[in-house]
Amino acid sequence: MENLDQTTWVEKSKNDPNAVILDVRTPNECAQGIIEGAKIHDFFDAEKFINAIDHMDKSKSYYIYCRSGNRSGQACQIMEQKGFKNTFNLVGGILEWQGDLV
């Protein structure tokens, strides 16, 4: 897992042909807007979250964010325990996001 500031996180994800953006917030949080192209997997719905990552391609790079960076950091750790090699946590999460949401 790498903790990245927004500038680095965005730059790496845009230049990574294997990038997958994951939003691990709740549906209510996501209703306020998500980063374009993000796949939503609620970290707090543990069973569904684990099931989802069990079906993800471990060869991809996962750029993960949440509200503040805490849940996404935990998600990165869980994914690494399950054999994922490239996980990137957005430090500060959506609270510190400077940019558009969809």
C-alpha atoms as a PDB file:
ATOM      1  CA  MET A   1       0.000   0.000   0.000  1.00  0.00           C
ATOM      2  CA  GLU A   2       1.143   3.475  -0.799  1.00  0.00           C
ATOM      3  CA  ASN A   3      -0.394   6.542   0.828  1.00  0.00           C
ATOM      4  CA  LEU A   4      -0.528   9.261  -1.818  1.00  0.00           C
ATOM      5  CA  ASP A   5      -1.541  12.908  -1.825  1.00  0.00           C
ATOM      6  CA  GLN A   6      -4.174  13.902  -4.374  1.00  0.00           C
ATOM      7  CA  THR A   7      -1.749  15.209  -6.987  1.00  0.00           C
ATOM      8  CA  THR A   8       0.309  12.020  -6.999  1.00  0.00           C
ATOM      9  CA  TRP A   9      -2.771   9.755  -6.734  1.00  0.00           C
ATOM     10  CA  VAL A  10      -4.438  11.413  -9.740  1.00  0.00           C
ATOM     11  CA  GLU A  11      -1.248  11.472 -11.808  1.00  0.00           C
ATOM     12  CA  LYS A  12      -0.435   7.813 -11.143  1.00  0.00           C
ATOM     13  CA  SER A  13      -4.001   6.650 -11.800  1.00  0.00           C
ATOM     14  CA  LYS A  14      -4.236   8.565 -15.093  1.00  0.00           C
ATOM     15  CA  ASN A  15      -0.935   7.162 -16.324  1.00  0.00           C
ATOM     16  CA  ASP A  16      -1.621   3.591 -15.202  1.00  0.00           C
ATOM     17  CA  PRO A  17      -3.273   1.428 -17.894  1.00  0.00           C
ATOM     18  CA  ASN A  18      -4.249  -1.065 -15.151  1.00  0.00           C
ATOM     19  CA  ALA A  19      -5.879   1.529 -12.876  1.00  0.00           C
ATOM     20  CA  VAL A  20      -9.158   0.809 -11.118  1.00  0.00           C
ATOM     21  CA  ILE A  21     -10.630   3.515  -8.884  1.00  0.00           C
ATOM     22  CA  LEU A  22     -12.555   2.258  -5.862  1.00  0.00           C
ATOM     23  CA  ASP A  23     -14.839   4.323  -3.639  1.00  0.00           C
ATOM     24  CA  VAL A  24     -15.332   2.453  -0.360  1.00  0.00           C
ATOM     25  CA  ARG A  25     -17.843   4.872   1.184  1.00  0.00           C
ATOM     26  CA  THR A  26     -21.461   4.146   2.080  1.00  0.00           C
ATOM     27  CA  PRO A  27     -24.262   4.624  -0.488  1.00  0.00           C
ATOM     28  CA  ASN A  28     -25.396   7.783   1.357  1.00  0.00           C
ATOM     29  CA  GLU A  29     -21.903   9.244   1.162  1.00  0.00           C
ATOM     30  CA  CYS A  30     -21.580   8.328  -2.510  1.00  0.00           C
ATOM     31  CA  ALA A  31     -24.899  10.043  -3.270  1.00  0.00           C
ATOM     32  CA  GLN A  32     -23.111  13.340  -2.572  1.00  0.00           C
ATOM     33  CA  GLY A  33     -20.777  12.676  -5.511  1.00  0.00           C
ATOM     34  CA  ILE A  34     -18.013  10.318  -6.559  1.00  0.00           C
ATOM     35  CA  ILE A  35     -14.776  10.642  -8.479  1.00  0.00           C
ATOM     36  CA  GLU A  36     -15.494   9.982 -12.149  1.00  0.00           C
ATOM     37  CA  GLY A  37     -15.055   6.345 -13.125  1.00  0.00           C
ATOM     38  CA  ALA A  38     -15.027   4.997  -9.562  1.00  0.00           C
ATOM     39  CA  LYS A  39     -16.498   1.613  -8.702  1.00  0.00           C
ATOM     40  CA  ILE A  40     -18.414   1.652  -5.418  1.00  0.00           C
ATOM     41  CA  HIS A  41     -17.856  -1.039  -2.791  1.00  0.00           C
ATOM     42  CA  ASP A  42     -19.093  -0.104   0.697  1.00  0.00           C
ATOM     43  CA  PHE A  43     -16.358  -1.023   3.195  1.00  0.00           C
ATOM     44  CA  PHE A  44     -18.869  -1.080   6.062  1.00  0.00           C
ATOM     45  CA  ASP A  45     -20.868  -3.844   4.328  1.00  0.00           C
ATOM     46  CA  ALA A  46     -18.067  -6.273   5.178  1.00  0.00           C
ATOM     47  CA  GLU A  47     -19.493  -9.433   3.622  1.00  0.00           C
ATOM     48  CA  LYS A  48     -20.226  -7.772   0.267  1.00  0.00           C
ATOM     49  CA  PHE A  49     -16.912  -5.923   0.343  1.00  0.00           C
ATOM     50  CA  ILE A  50     -14.882  -9.096   0.913  1.00  0.00           C
ATOM     51  CA  ASN A  51     -16.904 -10.943  -1.722  1.00  0.00           C
ATOM     52  CA  ALA A  52     -16.269  -8.133  -4.220  1.00  0.00           C
ATOM     53  CA  ILE A  53     -12.517  -8.067  -3.691  1.00  0.00           C
ATOM     54  CA  ASP A  54     -12.357 -11.850  -3.868  1.00  0.00           C
ATOM     55  CA  HIS A  55     -13.558 -11.486  -7.485  1.00  0.00           C
ATOM     56  CA  MET A  56     -11.218  -8.635  -8.484  1.00  0.00           C
ATOM     57  CA  ASP A  57      -8.218  -9.005 -10.775  1.00  0.00           C
ATOM     58  CA  LYS A  58      -5.070  -9.006  -8.634  1.00  0.00           C
ATOM     59  CA  SER A  59      -2.970  -7.856 -11.605  1.00  0.00           C
ATOM     60  CA  LYS A  60      -4.729  -4.462 -11.649  1.00  0.00           C
ATOM     61  CA  SER A  61      -3.728  -1.360  -9.681  1.00  0.00           C
ATOM     62  CA  TYR A  62      -6.338  -0.140  -7.203  1.00  0.00           C
ATOM     63  CA  TYR A  63      -6.643   3.558  -6.358  1.00  0.00           C
ATOM     64  CA  ILE A  64      -8.867   3.651  -3.299  1.00  0.00           C
ATOM     65  CA  TYR A  65     -10.583   6.479  -1.470  1.00  0.00           C
ATOM     66  CA  CYS A  66     -13.177   7.088   1.213  1.00  0.00           C
ATOM     67  CA  ARG A  67     -14.339  10.089   3.238  1.00  0.00           C
ATOM     68  CA  SER A  68     -11.101  10.798   5.116  1.00  0.00           C
ATOM     69  CA  GLY A  69      -8.555   8.161   4.081  1.00  0.00           C
ATOM     70  CA  ASN A  70      -9.084   5.806   7.036  1.00  0.00           C
ATOM     71  CA  ARG A  71     -11.400   3.179   5.520  1.00  0.00           C
ATOM     72  CA  SER A  72      -9.514   3.258   2.230  1.00  0.00           C
ATOM     73  CA  GLY A  73      -6.276   2.596   4.095  1.00  0.00           C
ATOM     74  CA  GLN A  74      -7.896  -0.374   5.815  1.00  0.00           C
ATOM     75  CA  ALA A  75      -9.260  -1.574   2.466  1.00  0.00           C
ATOM     76  CA  CYS A  76      -5.729  -1.428   1.006  1.00  0.00           C
ATOM     77  CA  GLN A  77      -4.405  -3.494   3.910  1.00  0.00           C
ATOM     78  CA  ILE A  78      -7.114  -6.145   3.523  1.00  0.00           C
ATOM     79  CA  MET A  79      -6.512  -6.326  -0.213  1.00  0.00           C
ATOM     80  CA  GLU A  80      -2.772  -6.734   0.338  1.00  0.00           C
ATOM     81  CA  GLN A  81      -3.457  -9.571   2.785  1.00  0.00           C
ATOM     82  CA  LYS A  82      -5.450 -11.206  -0.021  1.00  0.00           C
ATOM     83  CA  GLY A  83      -2.558 -10.967  -2.472  1.00  0.00           C
ATOM     84  CA  PHE A  84      -3.060  -7.613  -4.211  1.00  0.00           C
ATOM     85  CA  LYS A  85       0.284  -5.974  -5.007  1.00  0.00           C
ATOM     86  CA  ASN A  86      -0.705  -2.480  -6.158  1.00  0.00           C
ATOM     87  CA  THR A  87      -2.993  -0.560  -3.803  1.00  0.00           C
ATOM     88  CA  PHE A  88      -2.905   3.207  -3.436  1.00  0.00           C
ATOM     89  CA  ASN A  89      -4.684   5.106  -0.677  1.00  0.00           C
ATOM     90  CA  LEU A  90      -5.849   8.696  -1.204  1.00  0.00           C
ATOM     91  CA  VAL A  91      -4.648  10.576   1.884  1.00  0.00           C
ATOM     92  CA  GLY A  92      -7.367  12.883   3.221  1.00  0.00           C
ATOM     93  CA  GLY A  93     -10.060  11.188   1.160  1.00  0.00           C
ATOM     94  CA  ILE A  94     -12.951  13.053  -0.381  1.00  0.00           C
ATOM     95  CA  LEU A  95     -12.884  15.628   2.434  1.00  0.00           C
ATOM     96  CA  GLU A  96      -9.681  17.070   0.987  1.00  0.00           C
ATOM     97  CA  TRP A  97     -10.515  16.404  -2.684  1.00  0.00           C
ATOM     98  CA  GLN A  98      -9.941  19.402  -4.918  1.00  0.00           C
ATOM     99  CA  GLY A  99     -11.803  18.712  -8.124  1.00  0.00           C
ATOM    100  CA  ASP A 100     -15.042  17.678  -9.716  1.00  0.00           C
ATOM    101  CA  LEU A 101     -17.330  14.919  -8.539  1.00  0.00           C
ATOM    102  CA  VAL A 102     -20.034  13.230 -10.578  1.00  0.00           C
END
